């Protein structure tokens, strides 16, 4: 598939088919993802692949903790965001909300969905060693970008999920991840449900003149 076509078609999947992804396909996806560049070839990314019943058990732990601690998905800002950022967030809500079943609140859909990896049969937890500075999170972002594009190319849907980093202790305990690792993000991976109205909701992007300056 042509790269530009993949980039234009890819969007987050929030409803997946109840169909497992074979391990060999996940391994192929990881192989493609790790072709991403990194500073001086450090390749600081680490992946924990959680599949099938273990993914369901992990999600139960996350949902329970989310409800008990009343944690909600947000922008992770350290100060008040300019209005144009909030406007982009509102546009996502306006895009998804009409496709939700009656009575389901947008925030509940996002919070519960995130902890459940939106029902994806496979969750990939991305981690980094604490020996690295925050600058190396850029490398993880690049490999995740490769991952979501490669997944689309081989017929899989993905949804990157940042909320799960709030439950790093629970995840590390459940998956026996070493204490010196930081949980950065999760990615739900599976086959998109083509009949789901939610999967037809595709958010727009800011025009180039809003995000770029030429000199």
C-alpha atoms as a PDB file:
ATOM      1  CA  UNK A   1       0.000   0.000   0.000  1.00  0.00           C
ATOM      2  CA  UNK A   2       1.279   3.466  -0.858  1.00  0.00           C
ATOM      3  CA  UNK A   3       2.625   5.269   2.234  1.00  0.00           C
ATOM      4  CA  UNK A   4       0.677   8.485   1.650  1.00  0.00           C
ATOM      5  CA  UNK A   5      -2.538   6.481   1.339  1.00  0.00           C
ATOM      6  CA  UNK A   6      -1.799   4.680   4.622  1.00  0.00           C
ATOM      7  CA  UNK A   7      -1.151   7.968   6.409  1.00  0.00           C
ATOM      8  CA  UNK A   8      -4.376   9.505   5.122  1.00  0.00           C
ATOM      9  CA  UNK A   9      -6.525   6.450   5.904  1.00  0.00           C
ATOM     10  CA  UNK A  10      -5.241   5.605   9.384  1.00  0.00           C
ATOM     11  CA  UNK A  11      -7.353   6.652  12.337  1.00  0.00           C
ATOM     12  CA  UNK A  12      -7.864   5.385  15.863  1.00  0.00           C
ATOM     13  CA  UNK A  13     -10.060   2.306  16.230  1.00  0.00           C
ATOM     14  CA  UNK A  14     -12.364   2.259  19.255  1.00  0.00           C
ATOM     15  CA  UNK A  15     -14.436  -0.842  18.511  1.00  0.00           C
ATOM     16  CA  UNK A  16     -12.724  -4.135  17.652  1.00  0.00           C
ATOM     17  CA  UNK A  17     -13.945  -7.499  16.442  1.00  0.00           C
ATOM     18  CA  UNK A  18     -13.816 -10.395  18.890  1.00  0.00           C
ATOM     19  CA  UNK A  19     -11.103 -12.018  16.817  1.00  0.00           C
ATOM     20  CA  UNK A  20      -7.597 -12.788  18.122  1.00  0.00           C
ATOM     21  CA  UNK A  21      -4.553 -11.549  16.253  1.00  0.00           C
ATOM     22  CA  UNK A  22      -2.078 -14.391  15.623  1.00  0.00           C
ATOM     23  CA  UNK A  23       1.234 -14.045  17.441  1.00  0.00           C
ATOM     24  CA  UNK A  24       3.201 -14.118  14.181  1.00  0.00           C
ATOM     25  CA  UNK A  25       1.341 -11.047  12.957  1.00  0.00           C
ATOM     26  CA  UNK A  26       2.080  -9.181  16.197  1.00  0.00           C
ATOM     27  CA  UNK A  27       5.734 -10.170  15.871  1.00  0.00           C
ATOM     28  CA  UNK A  28       5.755  -8.819  12.322  1.00  0.00           C
ATOM     29  CA  UNK A  29       4.178  -5.594  13.562  1.00  0.00           C
ATOM     30  CA  UNK A  30       6.856  -5.193  16.237  1.00  0.00           C
ATOM     31  CA  UNK A  31       9.604  -5.927  13.737  1.00  0.00           C
ATOM     32  CA  UNK A  32       8.332  -3.150  11.477  1.00  0.00           C
ATOM     33  CA  UNK A  33       7.888  -0.784  14.426  1.00  0.00           C
ATOM     34  CA  UNK A  34      11.479  -1.221  15.542  1.00  0.00           C
ATOM     35  CA  UNK A  35      12.738  -0.056  12.156  1.00  0.00           C
ATOM     36  CA  UNK A  36      12.089   3.437  13.533  1.00  0.00           C
ATOM     37  CA  UNK A  37      15.072   5.736  14.057  1.00  0.00           C
ATOM     38  CA  UNK A  38      16.337   6.555  17.538  1.00  0.00           C
ATOM     39  CA  UNK A  39      19.062   8.775  18.977  1.00  0.00           C
ATOM     40  CA  UNK A  40      22.470   7.155  18.342  1.00  0.00           C
ATOM     41  CA  UNK A  41      20.621   3.877  17.713  1.00  0.00           C
ATOM     42  CA  UNK A  42      19.792   3.410  21.408  1.00  0.00           C
ATOM     43  CA  UNK A  43      16.411   1.836  20.589  1.00  0.00           C
ATOM     44  CA  UNK A  44      15.152   2.588  24.121  1.00  0.00           C
ATOM     45  CA  UNK A  45      11.699   1.088  23.598  1.00  0.00           C
ATOM     46  CA  UNK A  46      10.478  -2.073  25.336  1.00  0.00           C
ATOM     47  CA  UNK A  47       7.201  -3.826  24.551  1.00  0.00           C
ATOM     48  CA  UNK A  48       5.009  -6.024  26.714  1.00  0.00           C
ATOM     49  CA  UNK A  49       2.438  -7.847  24.585  1.00  0.00           C
ATOM     50  CA  UNK A  50      -0.708  -8.815  26.475  1.00  0.00           C
ATOM     51  CA  UNK A  51      -3.107 -11.104  24.639  1.00  0.00           C
ATOM     52  CA  UNK A  52      -6.394 -12.951  25.101  1.00  0.00           C
ATOM     53  CA  UNK A  53      -7.501 -13.739  28.637  1.00  0.00           C
ATOM     54  CA  UNK A  54      -4.501 -12.003  30.185  1.00  0.00           C
ATOM     55  CA  UNK A  55      -5.489  -8.775  28.441  1.00  0.00           C
ATOM     56  CA  UNK A  56      -8.995  -9.106  29.887  1.00  0.00           C
ATOM     57  CA  UNK A  57      -7.607  -9.708  33.377  1.00  0.00           C
ATOM     58  CA  UNK A  58      -5.316  -6.695  33.092  1.00  0.00           C
ATOM     59  CA  UNK A  59      -8.226  -4.508  31.983  1.00  0.00           C
ATOM     60  CA  UNK A  60     -10.292  -5.547  34.997  1.00  0.00           C
ATOM     61  CA  UNK A  61      -7.460  -4.353  37.247  1.00  0.00           C
ATOM     62  CA  UNK A  62      -7.216  -1.043  35.388  1.00  0.00           C
ATOM     63  CA  UNK A  63     -10.958  -0.372  35.374  1.00  0.00           C
ATOM     64  CA  UNK A  64     -11.184  -1.117  39.103  1.00  0.00           C
ATOM     65  CA  UNK A  65      -8.313   1.238  39.887  1.00  0.00           C
ATOM     66  CA  UNK A  66      -9.696   3.947  37.600  1.00  0.00           C
ATOM     67  CA  UNK A  67     -13.059   3.871  39.368  1.00  0.00           C
ATOM     68  CA  UNK A  68     -11.584   3.749  42.866  1.00  0.00           C
ATOM     69  CA  UNK A  69      -9.137   6.582  42.224  1.00  0.00           C
ATOM     70  CA  UNK A  70     -11.526   8.589  40.026  1.00  0.00           C
ATOM     71  CA  UNK A  71      -8.894   9.114  37.345  1.00  0.00           C
ATOM     72  CA  UNK A  72     -10.004  10.571  34.040  1.00  0.00           C
ATOM     73  CA  UNK A  73      -8.438  11.047  30.635  1.00  0.00           C
ATOM     74  CA  UNK A  74      -7.068  14.535  30.067  1.00  0.00           C
ATOM     75  CA  UNK A  75      -4.441  16.512  28.155  1.00  0.00           C
ATOM     76  CA  UNK A  76      -1.764  16.157  30.827  1.00  0.00           C
ATOM     77  CA  UNK A  77      -1.023  19.868  30.787  1.00  0.00           C
ATOM     78  CA  UNK A  78       1.069  21.529  33.493  1.00  0.00           C
ATOM     79  CA  UNK A  79      -0.715  24.885  33.072  1.00  0.00           C
ATOM     80  CA  UNK A  80      -3.857  26.245  31.437  1.00  0.00           C
ATOM     81  CA  UNK A  81      -3.909  25.420  27.750  1.00  0.00           C
ATOM     82  CA  UNK A  82      -4.555  28.046  25.074  1.00  0.00           C
ATOM     83  CA  UNK A  83      -8.110  27.906  23.797  1.00  0.00           C
ATOM     84  CA  UNK A  84      -7.186  26.513  20.380  1.00  0.00           C
ATOM     85  CA  UNK A  85      -5.930  23.297  21.991  1.00  0.00           C
ATOM     86  CA  UNK A  86      -9.197  22.900  23.898  1.00  0.00           C
ATOM     87  CA  UNK A  87     -11.108  23.558  20.685  1.00  0.00           C
ATOM     88  CA  UNK A  88      -9.355  20.602  19.063  1.00  0.00           C
ATOM     89  CA  UNK A  89     -10.344  18.411  21.993  1.00  0.00           C
ATOM     90  CA  UNK A  90     -13.968  19.544  21.726  1.00  0.00           C
ATOM     91  CA  UNK A  91     -13.976  18.687  18.029  1.00  0.00           C
ATOM     92  CA  UNK A  92     -13.005  15.111  18.899  1.00  0.00           C
ATOM     93  CA  UNK A  93     -15.918  14.893  21.342  1.00  0.00           C
ATOM     94  CA  UNK A  94     -18.306  16.377  18.769  1.00  0.00           C
ATOM     95  CA  UNK A  95     -17.052  13.807  16.261  1.00  0.00           C
ATOM     96  CA  UNK A  96     -17.542  10.738  18.468  1.00  0.00           C
ATOM     97  CA  UNK A  97     -20.563  11.674  20.597  1.00  0.00           C
ATOM     98  CA  UNK A  98     -23.265  11.283  17.904  1.00  0.00           C
ATOM     99  CA  UNK A  99     -22.120   7.697  17.309  1.00  0.00           C
ATOM    100  CA  UNK A 100     -22.357   6.536  20.934  1.00  0.00           C
ATOM    101  CA  UNK A 101     -25.288   4.479  22.154  1.00  0.00           C
ATOM    102  CA  UNK A 102     -27.955   6.485  23.922  1.00  0.00           C
ATOM    103  CA  UNK A 103     -27.167   7.084  27.579  1.00  0.00           C
ATOM    104  CA  UNK A 104     -23.400   6.623  27.298  1.00  0.00           C
ATOM    105  CA  UNK A 105     -21.445   9.684  28.402  1.00  0.00           C
ATOM    106  CA  UNK A 106     -18.443  10.663  26.291  1.00  0.00           C
ATOM    107  CA  UNK A 107     -16.052  10.774  29.271  1.00  0.00           C
ATOM    108  CA  UNK A 108     -17.203   7.359  30.490  1.00  0.00           C
ATOM    109  CA  UNK A 109     -16.722   5.927  27.004  1.00  0.00           C
ATOM    110  CA  UNK A 110     -13.168   7.284  26.855  1.00  0.00           C
ATOM    111  CA  UNK A 111     -12.159   6.339  30.417  1.00  0.00           C
ATOM    112  CA  UNK A 112     -13.654   2.857  30.465  1.00  0.00           C
ATOM    113  CA  UNK A 113     -12.643   2.288  26.862  1.00  0.00           C
ATOM    114  CA  UNK A 114      -9.049   3.252  27.538  1.00  0.00           C
ATOM    115  CA  UNK A 115      -8.745   0.858  30.466  1.00  0.00           C
ATOM    116  CA  UNK A 116     -10.323  -1.878  28.337  1.00  0.00           C
ATOM    117  CA  UNK A 117      -8.109  -1.041  25.332  1.00  0.00           C
ATOM    118  CA  UNK A 118     -11.471  -0.539  23.605  1.00  0.00           C
ATOM    119  CA  UNK A 119     -11.964  -4.292  23.510  1.00  0.00           C
ATOM    120  CA  UNK A 120      -8.855  -4.976  21.417  1.00  0.00           C
ATOM    121  CA  UNK A 121      -7.736  -8.617  21.741  1.00  0.00           C
ATOM    122  CA  UNK A 122      -4.124  -7.480  22.116  1.00  0.00           C
ATOM    123  CA  UNK A 123      -2.621  -4.678  24.158  1.00  0.00           C
ATOM    124  CA  UNK A 124       0.971  -3.580  23.671  1.00  0.00           C
ATOM    125  CA  UNK A 125       2.460  -1.805  26.674  1.00  0.00           C
ATOM    126  CA  UNK A 126       5.357   0.492  25.777  1.00  0.00           C
ATOM    127  CA  UNK A 127       7.986   1.075  28.450  1.00  0.00           C
ATOM    128  CA  UNK A 128      11.390   2.684  28.874  1.00  0.00           C
ATOM    129  CA  UNK A 129      14.233   2.220  31.333  1.00  0.00           C
ATOM    130  CA  UNK A 130      14.439   4.940  33.978  1.00  0.00           C
ATOM    131  CA  UNK A 131      18.116   5.361  33.116  1.00  0.00           C
ATOM    132  CA  UNK A 132      16.997   7.478  30.150  1.00  0.00           C
ATOM    133  CA  UNK A 133      16.008  11.133  30.330  1.00  0.00           C
ATOM    134  CA  UNK A 134      12.608  12.334  29.143  1.00  0.00           C
ATOM    135  CA  UNK A 135      14.256  13.327  25.869  1.00  0.00           C
ATOM    136  CA  UNK A 136      14.230   9.675  24.809  1.00  0.00           C
ATOM    137  CA  UNK A 137      10.429   9.588  24.984  1.00  0.00           C
ATOM    138  CA  UNK A 138      10.668  11.149  21.522  1.00  0.00           C
ATOM    139  CA  UNK A 139      12.116   7.854  20.268  1.00  0.00           C
ATOM    140  CA  UNK A 140       9.148   5.960  21.721  1.00  0.00           C
ATOM    141  CA  UNK A 141       6.793   8.351  19.986  1.00  0.00           C
ATOM    142  CA  UNK A 142       8.490   7.669  16.664  1.00  0.00           C
ATOM    143  CA  UNK A 143       8.279   3.888  17.020  1.00  0.00           C
ATOM    144  CA  UNK A 144       4.606   4.139  18.018  1.00  0.00           C
ATOM    145  CA  UNK A 145       4.032   6.218  14.887  1.00  0.00           C
ATOM    146  CA  UNK A 146       5.632   3.464  12.848  1.00  0.00           C
ATOM    147  CA  UNK A 147       3.511   0.904  14.666  1.00  0.00           C
ATOM    148  CA  UNK A 148       0.112   2.457  13.970  1.00  0.00           C
ATOM    149  CA  UNK A 149       0.945   2.938  10.291  1.00  0.00           C
ATOM    150  CA  UNK A 150       2.372  -0.561   9.883  1.00  0.00           C
ATOM    151  CA  UNK A 151      -0.689  -2.002  11.615  1.00  0.00           C
ATOM    152  CA  UNK A 152      -3.026  -0.256   9.198  1.00  0.00           C
ATOM    153  CA  UNK A 153      -0.999  -1.552   6.273  1.00  0.00           C
ATOM    154  CA  UNK A 154      -1.471  -5.170   7.398  1.00  0.00           C
ATOM    155  CA  UNK A 155      -5.180  -4.805   8.122  1.00  0.00           C
ATOM    156  CA  UNK A 156      -5.143  -4.054  11.838  1.00  0.00           C
ATOM    157  CA  UNK A 157      -6.650  -1.190  13.792  1.00  0.00           C
ATOM    158  CA  UNK A 158      -4.918   0.529  16.693  1.00  0.00           C
ATOM    159  CA  UNK A 159      -5.659   3.011  19.436  1.00  0.00           C
ATOM    160  CA  UNK A 160      -2.782   4.606  21.357  1.00  0.00           C
ATOM    161  CA  UNK A 161      -3.793   5.064  24.994  1.00  0.00           C
ATOM    162  CA  UNK A 162      -1.972   7.398  27.349  1.00  0.00           C
ATOM    163  CA  UNK A 163      -4.347   7.075  30.316  1.00  0.00           C
ATOM    164  CA  UNK A 164      -2.936   3.690  31.302  1.00  0.00           C
ATOM    165  CA  UNK A 165       0.332   5.317  32.402  1.00  0.00           C
ATOM    166  CA  UNK A 166      -1.605   6.536  35.473  1.00  0.00           C
ATOM    167  CA  UNK A 167      -1.822   2.883  36.513  1.00  0.00           C
ATOM    168  CA  UNK A 168       1.855   2.076  36.027  1.00  0.00           C
ATOM    169  CA  UNK A 169       2.184   0.397  39.431  1.00  0.00           C
ATOM    170  CA  UNK A 170      -0.763  -1.900  38.796  1.00  0.00           C
ATOM    171  CA  UNK A 171       0.521  -2.790  35.333  1.00  0.00           C
ATOM    172  CA  UNK A 172       4.053  -3.458  36.557  1.00  0.00           C
ATOM    173  CA  UNK A 173       2.723  -5.640  39.344  1.00  0.00           C
ATOM    174  CA  UNK A 174       0.361  -7.586  37.083  1.00  0.00           C
ATOM    175  CA  UNK A 175       2.917  -8.141  34.312  1.00  0.00           C
ATOM    176  CA  UNK A 176       5.956  -8.489  36.565  1.00  0.00           C
ATOM    177  CA  UNK A 177       7.711  -5.535  34.948  1.00  0.00           C
ATOM    178  CA  UNK A 178      10.960  -4.473  36.615  1.00  0.00           C
ATOM    179  CA  UNK A 179      10.759  -1.533  38.998  1.00  0.00           C
ATOM    180  CA  UNK A 180      13.324   0.444  36.989  1.00  0.00           C
ATOM    181  CA  UNK A 181      11.020   0.578  33.955  1.00  0.00           C
ATOM    182  CA  UNK A 182       8.512   3.347  33.270  1.00  0.00           C
ATOM    183  CA  UNK A 183       5.191   2.520  31.615  1.00  0.00           C
ATOM    184  CA  UNK A 184       4.668   5.181  28.942  1.00  0.00           C
ATOM    185  CA  UNK A 185       1.702   4.155  26.817  1.00  0.00           C
ATOM    186  CA  UNK A 186      -0.516   1.312  25.714  1.00  0.00           C
ATOM    187  CA  UNK A 187      -1.754   0.481  22.231  1.00  0.00           C
ATOM    188  CA  UNK A 188      -4.886  -1.545  21.599  1.00  0.00           C
ATOM    189  CA  UNK A 189      -4.358  -3.755  18.536  1.00  0.00           C
ATOM    190  CA  UNK A 190      -6.906  -5.840  16.674  1.00  0.00           C
ATOM    191  CA  UNK A 191      -9.262  -6.082  13.734  1.00  0.00           C
ATOM    192  CA  UNK A 192     -11.575  -3.052  13.437  1.00  0.00           C
ATOM    193  CA  UNK A 193     -15.321  -3.662  13.520  1.00  0.00           C
ATOM    194  CA  UNK A 194     -16.366  -2.340  10.084  1.00  0.00           C
ATOM    195  CA  UNK A 195     -20.016  -2.054  11.140  1.00  0.00           C
ATOM    196  CA  UNK A 196     -19.400   0.100  14.202  1.00  0.00           C
ATOM    197  CA  UNK A 197     -20.613   3.703  13.839  1.00  0.00           C
ATOM    198  CA  UNK A 198     -17.926   4.784  16.323  1.00  0.00           C
ATOM    199  CA  UNK A 199     -15.226   3.646  13.913  1.00  0.00           C
ATOM    200  CA  UNK A 200     -16.693   5.960  11.285  1.00  0.00           C
ATOM    201  CA  UNK A 201     -15.949   8.946  13.520  1.00  0.00           C
ATOM    202  CA  UNK A 202     -12.708  10.442  12.252  1.00  0.00           C
ATOM    203  CA  UNK A 203     -11.403  13.634  13.826  1.00  0.00           C
ATOM    204  CA  UNK A 204      -9.971  16.360  11.645  1.00  0.00           C
ATOM    205  CA  UNK A 205      -6.531  17.948  11.829  1.00  0.00           C
ATOM    206  CA  UNK A 206      -5.565  21.572  12.223  1.00  0.00           C
ATOM    207  CA  UNK A 207      -4.635  23.306   8.953  1.00  0.00           C
ATOM    208  CA  UNK A 208      -0.943  23.704   8.230  1.00  0.00           C
ATOM    209  CA  UNK A 209      -1.012  27.471   8.753  1.00  0.00           C
ATOM    210  CA  UNK A 210      -1.959  26.869  12.411  1.00  0.00           C
ATOM    211  CA  UNK A 211       0.916  24.522  13.199  1.00  0.00           C
ATOM    212  CA  UNK A 212       3.785  25.533  10.907  1.00  0.00           C
ATOM    213  CA  UNK A 213       5.898  28.630  10.288  1.00  0.00           C
ATOM    214  CA  UNK A 214       8.114  29.123   7.266  1.00  0.00           C
ATOM    215  CA  UNK A 215      11.282  31.273   7.319  1.00  0.00           C
END
